Amino acid sequence: MADLSTDWELVSRKARDGSPGVLRALRSMLVHDTTETPQPMTWTLRHRITGRVRRLTARTELEATVKIANGLFDGT
């Protein structure tokens, strides 16, 4: 995994609940929608100096990088 920030290290990245995938599959069959949107993932990060652990939800690595740079962590 690529470094998302010089101050934060990635501890884990987990896909959210699988049920939206089922709903998306049903919707795509009914609407014939072929576009794929990435599923949201929970990213767990640890600050390299303080050791503080934070989580954020993002669909892509770019979105996660932007949220880290702006301090937009979950629950804050």
C-alpha atoms as a PDB file:
ATOM      1  CA  MET A   1       0.000   0.000   0.000  1.00  0.00           C
ATOM      2  CA  ALA A   2       1.232   3.420  -0.843  1.00  0.00           C
ATOM      3  CA  ASP A   3       1.994   6.015   1.807  1.00  0.00           C
ATOM      4  CA  LEU A   4      -1.011   8.287   2.145  1.00  0.00           C
ATOM      5  CA  SER A   5       0.755  10.900   4.234  1.00  0.00           C
ATOM      6  CA  THR A   6       4.158  11.584   5.722  1.00  0.00           C
ATOM      7  CA  ASP A   7       2.588  11.966   9.198  1.00  0.00           C
ATOM      8  CA  TRP A   8       0.197   8.998   9.119  1.00  0.00           C
ATOM      9  CA  GLU A   9       0.823   5.306   8.449  1.00  0.00           C
ATOM     10  CA  LEU A  10      -1.857   2.937   7.232  1.00  0.00           C
ATOM     11  CA  VAL A  11      -2.651   0.215   9.766  1.00  0.00           C
ATOM     12  CA  SER A  12      -5.546  -1.445   7.935  1.00  0.00           C
ATOM     13  CA  ARG A  13      -8.058  -0.963   5.163  1.00  0.00           C
ATOM     14  CA  LYS A  14     -11.286  -2.947   5.323  1.00  0.00           C
ATOM     15  CA  ALA A  15     -14.262  -3.056   3.002  1.00  0.00           C
ATOM     16  CA  ARG A  16     -17.527  -2.120   4.618  1.00  0.00           C
ATOM     17  CA  ASP A  17     -20.498  -4.490   4.958  1.00  0.00           C
ATOM     18  CA  GLY A  18     -21.122  -6.697   1.896  1.00  0.00           C
ATOM     19  CA  SER A  19     -24.873  -6.081   1.655  1.00  0.00           C
ATOM     20  CA  PRO A  20     -24.547  -2.898  -0.436  1.00  0.00           C
ATOM     21  CA  GLY A  21     -22.816  -5.064  -3.064  1.00  0.00           C
ATOM     22  CA  VAL A  22     -25.890  -7.279  -3.267  1.00  0.00           C
ATOM     23  CA  LEU A  23     -28.163  -4.262  -3.535  1.00  0.00           C
ATOM     24  CA  ARG A  24     -25.925  -2.793  -6.229  1.00  0.00           C
ATOM     25  CA  ALA A  25     -26.048  -6.049  -8.194  1.00  0.00           C
ATOM     26  CA  LEU A  26     -29.855  -6.127  -8.007  1.00  0.00           C
ATOM     27  CA  ARG A  27     -30.075  -2.486  -9.065  1.00  0.00           C
ATOM     28  CA  SER A  28     -27.730  -3.034 -12.004  1.00  0.00           C
ATOM     29  CA  MET A  29     -29.870  -5.966 -13.207  1.00  0.00           C
ATOM     30  CA  LEU A  30     -33.056  -3.916 -13.016  1.00  0.00           C
ATOM     31  CA  VAL A  31     -31.710  -0.657 -14.418  1.00  0.00           C
ATOM     32  CA  HIS A  32     -28.976  -2.131 -16.646  1.00  0.00           C
ATOM     33  CA  ASP A  33     -26.447   0.162 -14.985  1.00  0.00           C
ATOM     34  CA  THR A  34     -22.915  -0.895 -15.937  1.00  0.00           C
ATOM     35  CA  THR A  35     -21.051   1.818 -14.016  1.00  0.00           C
ATOM     36  CA  GLU A  36     -19.015   0.608 -11.070  1.00  0.00           C
ATOM     37  CA  THR A  37     -18.555   2.864  -8.080  1.00  0.00           C
ATOM     38  CA  PRO A  38     -16.011   1.747  -5.507  1.00  0.00           C
ATOM     39  CA  GLN A  39     -17.427   0.590  -2.197  1.00  0.00           C
ATOM     40  CA  PRO A  40     -16.540   2.656   0.867  1.00  0.00           C
ATOM     41  CA  MET A  41     -13.718   1.289   2.991  1.00  0.00           C
ATOM     42  CA  THR A  42     -12.712   2.022   6.557  1.00  0.00           C
ATOM     43  CA  TRP A  43      -9.076   3.131   6.732  1.00  0.00           C
ATOM     44  CA  THR A  44      -7.307   2.858  10.102  1.00  0.00           C
ATOM     45  CA  LEU A  45      -4.279   5.137  10.459  1.00  0.00           C
ATOM     46  CA  ARG A  46      -1.692   5.723  13.170  1.00  0.00           C
ATOM     47  CA  HIS A  47       0.137   9.028  13.620  1.00  0.00           C
ATOM     48  CA  ARG A  48       3.855   8.329  13.223  1.00  0.00           C
ATOM     49  CA  ILE A  49       4.959  10.595  16.095  1.00  0.00           C
ATOM     50  CA  THR A  50       2.147  10.535  18.660  1.00  0.00           C
ATOM     51  CA  GLY A  51       0.829   7.031  17.983  1.00  0.00           C
ATOM     52  CA  ARG A  52      -2.751   8.301  17.900  1.00  0.00           C
ATOM     53  CA  VAL A  53      -5.047   5.983  15.930  1.00  0.00           C
ATOM     54  CA  ARG A  54      -7.824   7.449  13.766  1.00  0.00           C
ATOM     55  CA  ARG A  55     -10.309   6.039  11.272  1.00  0.00           C
ATOM     56  CA  LEU A  56     -11.828   7.475   8.145  1.00  0.00           C
ATOM     57  CA  THR A  57     -14.195   6.263   5.459  1.00  0.00           C
ATOM     58  CA  ALA A  58     -13.215   6.718   1.822  1.00  0.00           C
ATOM     59  CA  ARG A  59     -13.928   5.034  -1.512  1.00  0.00           C
ATOM     60  CA  THR A  60     -10.510   5.618  -3.101  1.00  0.00           C
ATOM     61  CA  GLU A  61      -6.915   6.206  -2.079  1.00  0.00           C
ATOM     62  CA  LEU A  62      -7.155   9.752  -3.469  1.00  0.00           C
ATOM     63  CA  GLU A  63     -10.221  10.502  -1.347  1.00  0.00           C
ATOM     64  CA  ALA A  64      -8.440   9.092   1.723  1.00  0.00           C
ATOM     65  CA  THR A  65      -5.374  11.247   1.042  1.00  0.00           C
ATOM     66  CA  VAL A  66      -7.503  14.398   0.757  1.00  0.00           C
ATOM     67  CA  LYS A  67      -9.393  13.587   3.967  1.00  0.00           C
ATOM     68  CA  ILE A  68      -6.128  12.992   5.846  1.00  0.00           C
ATOM     69  CA  ALA A  69      -4.681  16.291   4.593  1.00  0.00           C
ATOM     70  CA  ASN A  70      -7.817  18.139   5.751  1.00  0.00           C
ATOM     71  CA  GLY A  71      -8.158  16.279   9.069  1.00  0.00           C
ATOM     72  CA  LEU A  72     -11.552  14.840   8.108  1.00  0.00           C
ATOM     73  CA  PHE A  73     -11.472  11.687  10.205  1.00  0.00           C
ATOM     74  CA  ASP A  74     -14.593   9.770  11.244  1.00  0.00           C
ATOM     75  CA  GLY A  75     -16.126  10.834  14.523  1.00  0.00           C
ATOM     76  CA  THR A  76     -14.557  14.315  14.632  1.00  0.00           C
END
